[in-house]
All heavy atoms as atom14 arrays in JSON, in Angstrom:
{
  "sequence": "IELHPDKSKIYTLYNGANFLGFRIFYHYKLPKKSNIKLIKRR",
  "atom14_mask": [
    [1, 1, 1, 1, 1, 1, 1, 1, 0, 0, 0, 0, 0, 0],
    [1, 1, 1, 1, 1, 1, 1, 1, 1, 0, 0, 0, 0, 0],
    [1, 1, 1, 1, 1, 1, 1, 1, 0, 0, 0, 0, 0, 0],
    [1, 1, 1, 1, 1, 1, 1, 1, 1, 1, 0, 0, 0, 0],
    [1, 1, 1, 1, 1, 1, 1, 0, 0, 0, 0, 0, 0, 0],
    [1, 1, 1, 1, 1, 1, 1, 1, 0, 0, 0, 0, 0, 0],
    [1, 1, 1, 1, 1, 1, 1, 1, 1, 0, 0, 0, 0, 0],
    [1, 1, 1, 1, 1, 1, 0, 0, 0, 0, 0, 0, 0, 0],
    [1, 1, 1, 1, 1, 1, 1, 1, 1, 0, 0, 0, 0, 0],
    [1, 1, 1, 1, 1, 1, 1, 1, 0, 0, 0, 0, 0, 0],
    [1, 1, 1, 1, 1, 1, 1, 1, 1, 1, 1, 1, 0, 0],
    [1, 1, 1, 1, 1, 1, 1, 0, 0, 0, 0, 0, 0, 0],
    [1, 1, 1, 1, 1, 1, 1, 1, 0, 0, 0, 0, 0, 0],
    [1, 1, 1, 1, 1, 1, 1, 1, 1, 1, 1, 1, 0, 0],
    [1, 1, 1, 1, 1, 1, 1, 1, 0, 0, 0, 0, 0, 0],
    [1, 1, 1, 1, 0, 0, 0, 0, 0, 0, 0, 0, 0, 0],
    [1, 1, 1, 1, 1, 0, 0, 0, 0, 0, 0, 0, 0, 0],
    [1, 1, 1, 1, 1, 1, 1, 1, 0, 0, 0, 0, 0, 0],
    [1, 1, 1, 1, 1, 1, 1, 1, 1, 1, 1, 0, 0, 0],
    [1, 1, 1, 1, 1, 1, 1, 1, 0, 0, 0, 0, 0, 0],
    [1, 1, 1, 1, 0, 0, 0, 0, 0, 0, 0, 0, 0, 0],
    [1, 1, 1, 1, 1, 1, 1, 1, 1, 1, 1, 0, 0, 0],
    [1, 1, 1, 1, 1, 1, 1, 1, 1, 1, 1, 0, 0, 0],
    [1, 1, 1, 1, 1, 1, 1, 1, 0, 0, 0, 0, 0, 0],
    [1, 1, 1, 1, 1, 1, 1, 1, 1, 1, 1, 0, 0, 0],
    [1, 1, 1, 1, 1, 1, 1, 1, 1, 1, 1, 1, 0, 0],
    [1, 1, 1, 1, 1, 1, 1, 1, 1, 1, 0, 0, 0, 0],
    [1, 1, 1, 1, 1, 1, 1, 1, 1, 1, 1, 1, 0, 0],
    [1, 1, 1, 1, 1, 1, 1, 1, 1, 0, 0, 0, 0, 0],
    [1, 1, 1, 1, 1, 1, 1, 1, 0, 0, 0, 0, 0, 0],
    [1, 1, 1, 1, 1, 1, 1, 0, 0, 0, 0, 0, 0, 0],
    [1, 1, 1, 1, 1, 1, 1, 1, 1, 0, 0, 0, 0, 0],
    [1, 1, 1, 1, 1, 1, 1, 1, 1, 0, 0, 0, 0, 0],
    [1, 1, 1, 1, 1, 1, 0, 0, 0, 0, 0, 0, 0, 0],
    [1, 1, 1, 1, 1, 1, 1, 1, 0, 0, 0, 0, 0, 0],
    [1, 1, 1, 1, 1, 1, 1, 1, 0, 0, 0, 0, 0, 0],
    [1, 1, 1, 1, 1, 1, 1, 1, 1, 0, 0, 0, 0, 0],
    [1, 1, 1, 1, 1, 1, 1, 1, 0, 0, 0, 0, 0, 0],
    [1, 1, 1, 1, 1, 1, 1, 1, 0, 0, 0, 0, 0, 0],
    [1, 1, 1, 1, 1, 1, 1, 1, 1, 0, 0, 0, 0, 0],
    [1, 1, 1, 1, 1, 1, 1, 1, 1, 1, 1, 0, 0, 0],
    [1, 1, 1, 1, 1, 1, 1, 1, 1, 1, 1, 0, 0, 0]
  ],
  "atom14_positions": [
    [[15.29, -2.88, 18.87], [14.03, -2.49, 18.25], [13.4, -3.76, 17.69], [14.03, -4.82, 17.72], [14.22, -1.43, 17.13], [15.25, -1.91, 16.09], [14.64, -0.1, 17.71], [15.5, -0.95, 14.96], [0.0, 0.0, 0.0], [0.0, 0.0, 0.0], [0.0, 0.0, 0.0], [0.0, 0.0, 0.0], [0.0, 0.0, 0.0], [0.0, 0.0, 0.0]],
    [[12.18, -3.69, 17.18], [11.53, -4.89, 16.69], [10.56, -4.58, 15.56], [10.11, -3.43, 15.41], [10.79, -5.59, 17.82], [9.69, -4.77, 18.47], [9.03, -5.51, 19.62], [8.51, -6.62, 19.39], [9.03, -4.97, 20.76], [0.0, 0.0, 0.0], [0.0, 0.0, 0.0], [0.0, 0.0, 0.0], [0.0, 0.0, 0.0], [0.0, 0.0, 0.0]],
    [[10.25, -5.6, 14.78], [9.27, -5.45, 13.71], [7.89, -5.24, 14.28], [7.55, -5.81, 15.31], [9.27, -6.69, 12.81], [10.53, -6.97, 12.0], [10.35, -8.24, 11.17], [10.89, -5.8, 11.08], [0.0, 0.0, 0.0], [0.0, 0.0, 0.0], [0.0, 0.0, 0.0], [0.0, 0.0, 0.0], [0.0, 0.0, 0.0], [0.0, 0.0, 0.0]],
    [[7.11, -4.45, 13.57], [5.7, -4.28, 13.95], [4.96, -5.56, 13.58], [4.94, -5.95, 12.41], [5.1, -3.08, 13.22], [3.82, -2.6, 13.82], [2.68, -3.38, 13.88], [3.49, -1.41, 14.39], [1.72, -2.7, 14.46], [2.18, -1.5, 14.79], [0.0, 0.0, 0.0], [0.0, 0.0, 0.0], [0.0, 0.0, 0.0], [0.0, 0.0, 0.0]],
    [[4.34, -6.24, 14.55], [3.72, -7.55, 14.26], [2.57, -7.47, 13.26], [2.32, -8.43, 12.52], [3.22, -8.02, 15.63], [3.11, -6.77, 16.46], [4.18, -5.86, 15.96], [0.0, 0.0, 0.0], [0.0, 0.0, 0.0], [0.0, 0.0, 0.0], [0.0, 0.0, 0.0], [0.0, 0.0, 0.0], [0.0, 0.0, 0.0], [0.0, 0.0, 0.0]],
    [[1.86, -6.35, 13.22], [0.7, -6.23, 12.34], [1.06, -5.66, 10.96], [0.27, -5.75, 10.02], [-0.38, -5.33, 12.97], [-0.88, -5.89, 14.29], [-0.96, -7.14, 14.39], [-1.19, -5.1, 15.19], [0.0, 0.0, 0.0], [0.0, 0.0, 0.0], [0.0, 0.0, 0.0], [0.0, 0.0, 0.0], [0.0, 0.0, 0.0], [0.0, 0.0, 0.0]],
    [[2.25, -5.08, 10.86], [2.63, -4.42, 9.6], [3.81, -5.1, 8.92], [4.38, -4.55, 7.98], [2.97, -2.96, 9.86], [1.81, -2.14, 10.4], [2.23, -0.71, 10.65], [1.08, 0.13, 11.21], [1.47, 1.52, 11.48], [0.0, 0.0, 0.0], [0.0, 0.0, 0.0], [0.0, 0.0, 0.0], [0.0, 0.0, 0.0], [0.0, 0.0, 0.0]],
    [[4.17, -6.28, 9.38], [5.3, -7.02, 8.81], [4.82, -8.39, 8.36], [4.74, -9.32, 9.17], [6.42, -7.14, 9.85], [6.84, -5.87, 10.3], [0.0, 0.0, 0.0], [0.0, 0.0, 0.0], [0.0, 0.0, 0.0], [0.0, 0.0, 0.0], [0.0, 0.0, 0.0], [0.0, 0.0, 0.0], [0.0, 0.0, 0.0], [0.0, 0.0, 0.0]],
    [[4.49, -8.49, 7.08], [3.89, -9.72, 6.56], [4.38, -10.0, 5.14], [4.97, -9.15, 4.5], [2.36, -9.6, 6.56], [1.76, -9.45, 7.95], [0.24, -9.3, 7.89], [-0.35, -9.14, 9.28], [-1.81, -8.96, 9.23], [0.0, 0.0, 0.0], [0.0, 0.0, 0.0], [0.0, 0.0, 0.0], [0.0, 0.0, 0.0], [0.0, 0.0, 0.0]],
    [[4.07, -11.22, 4.68], [4.44, -11.64, 3.32], [3.19, -11.63, 2.44], [2.13, -12.11, 2.85], [5.08, -13.03, 3.33], [6.4, -13.0, 4.11], [5.33, -13.54, 1.9], [6.99, -14.36, 4.41], [0.0, 0.0, 0.0], [0.0, 0.0, 0.0], [0.0, 0.0, 0.0], [0.0, 0.0, 0.0], [0.0, 0.0, 0.0], [0.0, 0.0, 0.0]],
    [[3.33, -11.07, 1.25], [2.2, -10.95, 0.33], [2.61, -11.47, -1.05], [3.79, -11.51, -1.38], [1.76, -9.49, 0.2], [1.41, -8.81, 1.5], [2.39, -8.16, 2.24], [0.12, -8.8, 1.97], [2.07, -7.52, 3.44], [-0.23, -8.16, 3.16], [0.78, -7.52, 3.88], [0.46, -6.89, 5.06], [0.0, 0.0, 0.0], [0.0, 0.0, 0.0]],
    [[1.59, -11.82, -1.84], [1.85, -12.17, -3.25], [1.93, -10.9, -4.06], [1.22, -9.92, -3.78], [0.73, -13.06, -3.8], [-0.52, -12.37, -3.66], [0.65, -14.39, -3.06], [0.0, 0.0, 0.0], [0.0, 0.0, 0.0], [0.0, 0.0, 0.0], [0.0, 0.0, 0.0], [0.0, 0.0, 0.0], [0.0, 0.0, 0.0], [0.0, 0.0, 0.0]],
    [[2.76, -10.9, -5.07], [2.87, -9.73, -5.94], [1.56, -9.44, -6.65], [1.22, -8.28, -6.9], [3.99, -9.93, -6.97], [5.42, -9.73, -6.49], [6.41, -10.1, -7.59], [5.64, -8.27, -6.07], [0.0, 0.0, 0.0], [0.0, 0.0, 0.0], [0.0, 0.0, 0.0], [0.0, 0.0, 0.0], [0.0, 0.0, 0.0], [0.0, 0.0, 0.0]],
    [[0.81, -10.51, -6.99], [-0.39, -10.25, -7.79], [-1.52, -9.59, -7.0], [-2.47, -9.07, -7.58], [-0.88, -11.53, -8.48], [-1.33, -12.67, -7.6], [-2.53, -12.62, -6.91], [-0.55, -13.82, -7.49], [-2.94, -13.69, -6.11], [-0.96, -14.89, -6.7], [-2.15, -14.82, -6.02], [-2.56, -15.88, -5.24], [0.0, 0.0, 0.0], [0.0, 0.0, 0.0]],
    [[-1.43, -9.6, -5.67], [-2.45, -8.89, -4.89], [-2.16, -7.4, -4.76], [-2.96, -6.65, -4.22], [-2.56, -9.5, -3.49], [-3.45, -10.73, -3.48], [-4.37, -10.84, -4.28], [-3.16, -11.67, -2.59], [0.0, 0.0, 0.0], [0.0, 0.0, 0.0], [0.0, 0.0, 0.0], [0.0, 0.0, 0.0], [0.0, 0.0, 0.0], [0.0, 0.0, 0.0]],
    [[-1.0, -6.99, -5.25], [-0.63, -5.58, -5.18], [0.2, -5.28, -3.95], [-0.14, -5.7, -2.85], [0.0, 0.0, 0.0], [0.0, 0.0, 0.0], [0.0, 0.0, 0.0], [0.0, 0.0, 0.0], [0.0, 0.0, 0.0], [0.0, 0.0, 0.0], [0.0, 0.0, 0.0], [0.0, 0.0, 0.0], [0.0, 0.0, 0.0], [0.0, 0.0, 0.0]],
    [[1.28, -4.56, -4.15], [2.19, -4.23, -3.05], [1.92, -2.83, -2.55], [2.02, -1.86, -3.32], [3.63, -4.36, -3.53], [0.0, 0.0, 0.0], [0.0, 0.0, 0.0], [0.0, 0.0, 0.0], [0.0, 0.0, 0.0], [0.0, 0.0, 0.0], [0.0, 0.0, 0.0], [0.0, 0.0, 0.0], [0.0, 0.0, 0.0], [0.0, 0.0, 0.0]],
    [[1.55, -2.68, -1.28], [1.42, -1.36, -0.67], [2.79, -0.88, -0.23], [3.39, -1.42, 0.71], [0.47, -1.42, 0.53], [-0.98, -1.5, 0.12], [-1.36, -0.97, -0.93], [-1.79, -2.15, 0.92], [0.0, 0.0, 0.0], [0.0, 0.0, 0.0], [0.0, 0.0, 0.0], [0.0, 0.0, 0.0], [0.0, 0.0, 0.0], [0.0, 0.0, 0.0]],
    [[3.3, 0.14, -0.93], [4.66, 0.61, -0.64], [4.75, 2.09, -0.97], [4.43, 2.52, -2.07], [5.67, -0.2, -1.46], [7.12, 0.09, -1.13], [7.56, 0.1, 0.18], [8.04, 0.35, -2.12], [8.88, 0.36, 0.5], [9.37, 0.59, -1.83], [9.79, 0.61, -0.51], [0.0, 0.0, 0.0], [0.0, 0.0, 0.0], [0.0, 0.0, 0.0]],
    [[5.16, 2.87, 0.02], [5.39, 4.32, -0.13], [4.19, 5.04, -0.72], [4.33, 5.89, -1.61], [6.65, 4.56, -0.97], [7.95, 3.99, -0.4], [9.12, 4.28, -1.31], [8.21, 4.54, 1.01], [0.0, 0.0, 0.0], [0.0, 0.0, 0.0], [0.0, 0.0, 0.0], [0.0, 0.0, 0.0], [0.0, 0.0, 0.0], [0.0, 0.0, 0.0]],
    [[3.01, 4.7, -0.22], [1.82, 5.43, -0.62], [1.12, 4.94, -1.87], [0.08, 5.47, -2.24], [0.0, 0.0, 0.0], [0.0, 0.0, 0.0], [0.0, 0.0, 0.0], [0.0, 0.0, 0.0], [0.0, 0.0, 0.0], [0.0, 0.0, 0.0], [0.0, 0.0, 0.0], [0.0, 0.0, 0.0], [0.0, 0.0, 0.0], [0.0, 0.0, 0.0]],
    [[1.69, 3.92, -2.52], [1.07, 3.37, -3.72], [0.74, 1.9, -3.52], [1.38, 1.2, -2.75], [2.02, 3.49, -4.93], [2.09, 4.86, -5.53], [3.08, 5.75, -5.15], [1.16, 5.27, -6.47], [3.14, 7.01, -5.7], [1.23, 6.53, -7.03], [2.21, 7.41, -6.64], [0.0, 0.0, 0.0], [0.0, 0.0, 0.0], [0.0, 0.0, 0.0]],
    [[-0.25, 1.44, -4.27], [-0.53, 0.02, -4.39], [-0.02, -0.39, -5.76], [-0.55, 0.03, -6.8], [-2.02, -0.27, -4.25], [-2.28, -1.76, -4.08], [-3.74, -2.05, -3.8], [-3.96, -3.49, -3.67], [-5.14, -4.07, -3.7], [-6.23, -3.34, -3.86], [-5.27, -5.38, -3.57], [0.0, 0.0, 0.0], [0.0, 0.0, 0.0], [0.0, 0.0, 0.0]],
    [[1.05, -1.21, -5.76], [1.79, -1.51, -6.99], [1.4, -2.87, -7.54], [1.57, -3.9, -6.89], [3.31, -1.46, -6.72], [3.7, -0.14, -6.04], [4.08, -1.66, -8.01], [5.12, -0.13, -5.53], [0.0, 0.0, 0.0], [0.0, 0.0, 0.0], [0.0, 0.0, 0.0], [0.0, 0.0, 0.0], [0.0, 0.0, 0.0], [0.0, 0.0, 0.0]],
    [[0.88, -2.87, -8.75], [0.61, -4.1, -9.5], [1.66, -4.24, -10.58], [2.52, -3.36, -10.75], [-0.8, -4.06, -10.1], [-1.9, -4.0, -9.08], [-2.37, -2.78, -8.61], [-2.45, -5.17, -8.55], [-3.37, -2.72, -7.65], [-3.44, -5.12, -7.59], [-3.9, -3.9, -7.14], [0.0, 0.0, 0.0], [0.0, 0.0, 0.0], [0.0, 0.0, 0.0]],
    [[1.64, -5.35, -11.3], [2.71, -5.57, -12.27], [2.68, -4.54, -13.4], [3.71, -4.03, -13.82], [2.65, -6.98, -12.87], [3.88, -7.28, -13.71], [5.08, -7.61, -13.08], [3.85, -7.2, -15.08], [6.22, -7.86, -13.82], [4.99, -7.45, -15.83], [6.17, -7.78, -15.19], [7.3, -8.02, -15.93], [0.0, 0.0, 0.0], [0.0, 0.0, 0.0]],
    [[1.48, -4.22, -13.89], [1.38, -3.33, -15.05], [0.97, -1.9, -14.71], [0.94, -1.06, -15.6], [0.39, -3.91, -16.07], [0.9, -5.15, -16.75], [1.88, -5.1, -17.7], [0.56, -6.46, -16.61], [2.12, -6.35, -18.13], [1.34, -7.18, -17.48], [0.0, 0.0, 0.0], [0.0, 0.0, 0.0], [0.0, 0.0, 0.0], [0.0, 0.0, 0.0]],
    [[0.67, -1.63, -13.46], [0.3, -0.25, -13.1], [0.4, -0.07, -11.59], [0.54, -1.02, -10.84], [-1.14, 0.06, -13.56], [-2.21, -0.78, -12.94], [-2.89, -0.38, -11.8], [-2.56, -2.02, -13.5], [-3.88, -1.15, -11.22], [-3.55, -2.81, -12.92], [-4.22, -2.37, -11.79], [-5.18, -3.12, -11.22], [0.0, 0.0, 0.0], [0.0, 0.0, 0.0]],
    [[0.33, 1.19, -11.15], [0.32, 1.49, -9.73], [-0.67, 2.61, -9.45], [-0.84, 3.54, -10.28], [1.72, 1.85, -9.21], [2.34, 3.11, -9.79], [3.66, 3.44, -9.09], [4.78, 2.51, -9.46], [5.31, 2.73, -10.8], [0.0, 0.0, 0.0], [0.0, 0.0, 0.0], [0.0, 0.0, 0.0], [0.0, 0.0, 0.0], [0.0, 0.0, 0.0]],
    [[-1.34, 2.54, -8.3], [-2.35, 3.5, -7.92], [-2.08, 4.0, -6.5], [-1.52, 3.26, -5.68], [-3.75, 2.86, -7.96], [-4.24, 2.34, -9.31], [-5.54, 1.56, -9.1], [-4.47, 3.49, -10.27], [0.0, 0.0, 0.0], [0.0, 0.0, 0.0], [0.0, 0.0, 0.0], [0.0, 0.0, 0.0], [0.0, 0.0, 0.0], [0.0, 0.0, 0.0]],
    [[-2.47, 5.23, -6.19], [-2.34, 5.7, -4.79], [-3.2, 4.82, -3.89], [-4.24, 4.31, -4.3], [-2.89, 7.13, -4.85], [-2.79, 7.55, -6.26], [-3.01, 6.3, -7.06], [0.0, 0.0, 0.0], [0.0, 0.0, 0.0], [0.0, 0.0, 0.0], [0.0, 0.0, 0.0], [0.0, 0.0, 0.0], [0.0, 0.0, 0.0], [0.0, 0.0, 0.0]],
    [[-2.75, 4.65, -2.65], [-3.55, 3.91, -1.67], [-4.9, 4.58, -1.48], [-5.02, 5.81, -1.59], [-2.81, 3.85, -0.34], [-1.6, 2.95, -0.34], [-0.76, 3.12, 0.92], [-1.55, 2.88, 2.2], [-0.71, 3.01, 3.4], [0.0, 0.0, 0.0], [0.0, 0.0, 0.0], [0.0, 0.0, 0.0], [0.0, 0.0, 0.0], [0.0, 0.0, 0.0]],
    [[-5.92, 3.78, -1.19], [-7.27, 4.31, -1.02], [-7.31, 5.38, 0.08], [-8.03, 6.37, -0.04], [-8.24, 3.18, -0.71], [-8.49, 2.25, -1.88], [-9.48, 1.14, -1.51], [-9.73, 0.22, -2.71], [-10.68, -0.88, -2.36], [0.0, 0.0, 0.0], [0.0, 0.0, 0.0], [0.0, 0.0, 0.0], [0.0, 0.0, 0.0], [0.0, 0.0, 0.0]],
    [[-6.53, 5.16, 1.14], [-6.52, 6.14, 2.24], [-5.97, 7.48, 1.77], [-6.44, 8.55, 2.21], [-5.69, 5.62, 3.41], [-4.36, 5.34, 3.01], [0.0, 0.0, 0.0], [0.0, 0.0, 0.0], [0.0, 0.0, 0.0], [0.0, 0.0, 0.0], [0.0, 0.0, 0.0], [0.0, 0.0, 0.0], [0.0, 0.0, 0.0], [0.0, 0.0, 0.0]],
    [[-4.98, 7.47, 0.85], [-4.42, 8.7, 0.33], [-5.41, 9.42, -0.58], [-5.47, 10.66, -0.6], [-3.13, 8.42, -0.45], [-2.0, 8.04, 0.46], [-2.09, 8.23, 1.69], [-0.9, 7.53, -0.08], [0.0, 0.0, 0.0], [0.0, 0.0, 0.0], [0.0, 0.0, 0.0], [0.0, 0.0, 0.0], [0.0, 0.0, 0.0], [0.0, 0.0, 0.0]],
    [[-6.19, 8.64, -1.34], [-7.2, 9.25, -2.2], [-8.29, 9.9, -1.35], [-8.73, 11.03, -1.63], [-7.8, 8.2, -3.15], [-6.73, 7.68, -4.13], [-8.98, 8.79, -3.93], [-7.21, 6.55, -5.01], [0.0, 0.0, 0.0], [0.0, 0.0, 0.0], [0.0, 0.0, 0.0], [0.0, 0.0, 0.0], [0.0, 0.0, 0.0], [0.0, 0.0, 0.0]],
    [[-8.72, 9.22, -0.29], [-9.72, 9.79, 0.61], [-9.21, 11.07, 1.25], [-9.95, 12.05, 1.41], [-10.1, 8.78, 1.69], [-10.92, 7.6, 1.19], [-11.24, 6.64, 2.32], [-12.06, 5.44, 1.82], [-12.32, 4.47, 2.92], [0.0, 0.0, 0.0], [0.0, 0.0, 0.0], [0.0, 0.0, 0.0], [0.0, 0.0, 0.0], [0.0, 0.0, 0.0]],
    [[-7.91, 11.07, 1.63], [-7.32, 12.24, 2.28], [-7.3, 13.44, 1.33], [-7.69, 14.53, 1.73], [-5.9, 11.91, 2.75], [-5.12, 13.05, 3.38], [-5.8, 13.48, 4.68], [-3.69, 12.63, 3.66], [0.0, 0.0, 0.0], [0.0, 0.0, 0.0], [0.0, 0.0, 0.0], [0.0, 0.0, 0.0], [0.0, 0.0, 0.0], [0.0, 0.0, 0.0]],
    [[-6.89, 13.24, 0.08], [-6.83, 14.37, -0.85], [-8.23, 14.87, -1.19], [-8.43, 16.08, -1.38], [-6.02, 14.01, -2.13], [-5.66, 15.27, -2.91], [-6.78, 13.03, -3.01], [-4.79, 16.25, -2.17], [0.0, 0.0, 0.0], [0.0, 0.0, 0.0], [0.0, 0.0, 0.0], [0.0, 0.0, 0.0], [0.0, 0.0, 0.0], [0.0, 0.0, 0.0]],
    [[-9.21, 13.97, -1.24], [-10.59, 14.41, -1.49], [-11.1, 15.27, -0.35], [-11.78, 16.28, -0.58], [-11.49, 13.19, -1.69], [-11.33, 12.5, -3.04], [-12.28, 11.32, -3.18], [-12.17, 10.7, -4.58], [-13.06, 9.51, -4.7], [0.0, 0.0, 0.0], [0.0, 0.0, 0.0], [0.0, 0.0, 0.0], [0.0, 0.0, 0.0], [0.0, 0.0, 0.0]],
    [[-10.76, 14.9, 0.89], [-11.17, 15.71, 2.04], [-10.48, 17.07, 2.01], [-11.11, 18.1, 2.33], [-10.83, 14.98, 3.35], [-11.75, 13.81, 3.67], [-11.69, 13.46, 5.15], [-10.35, 13.06, 5.56], [-9.9, 11.81, 5.53], [-10.69, 10.83, 5.1], [-8.68, 11.53, 5.94], [0.0, 0.0, 0.0], [0.0, 0.0, 0.0], [0.0, 0.0, 0.0]],
    [[-9.22, 17.09, 1.63], [-8.5, 18.37, 1.55], [-9.11, 19.27, 0.5], [-9.29, 20.48, 0.72], [-7.02, 18.12, 1.22], [-6.22, 17.52, 2.35], [-4.76, 17.45, 1.99], [-4.17, 18.78, 1.83], [-2.99, 19.01, 1.26], [-2.28, 18.01, 0.76], [-2.53, 20.23, 1.16], [0.0, 0.0, 0.0], [0.0, 0.0, 0.0], [0.0, 0.0, 0.0]]
  ]
}
């Protein structure tokens, strides 16, 4: 198997970590924008 070339990258912590549906910053975490749009449509 192999890593997805577009979804396997290195990021800085201060830009926020997209992980398991949240965008995680040091002092807080928010749902990803796509998840917020999805729940609004629902």
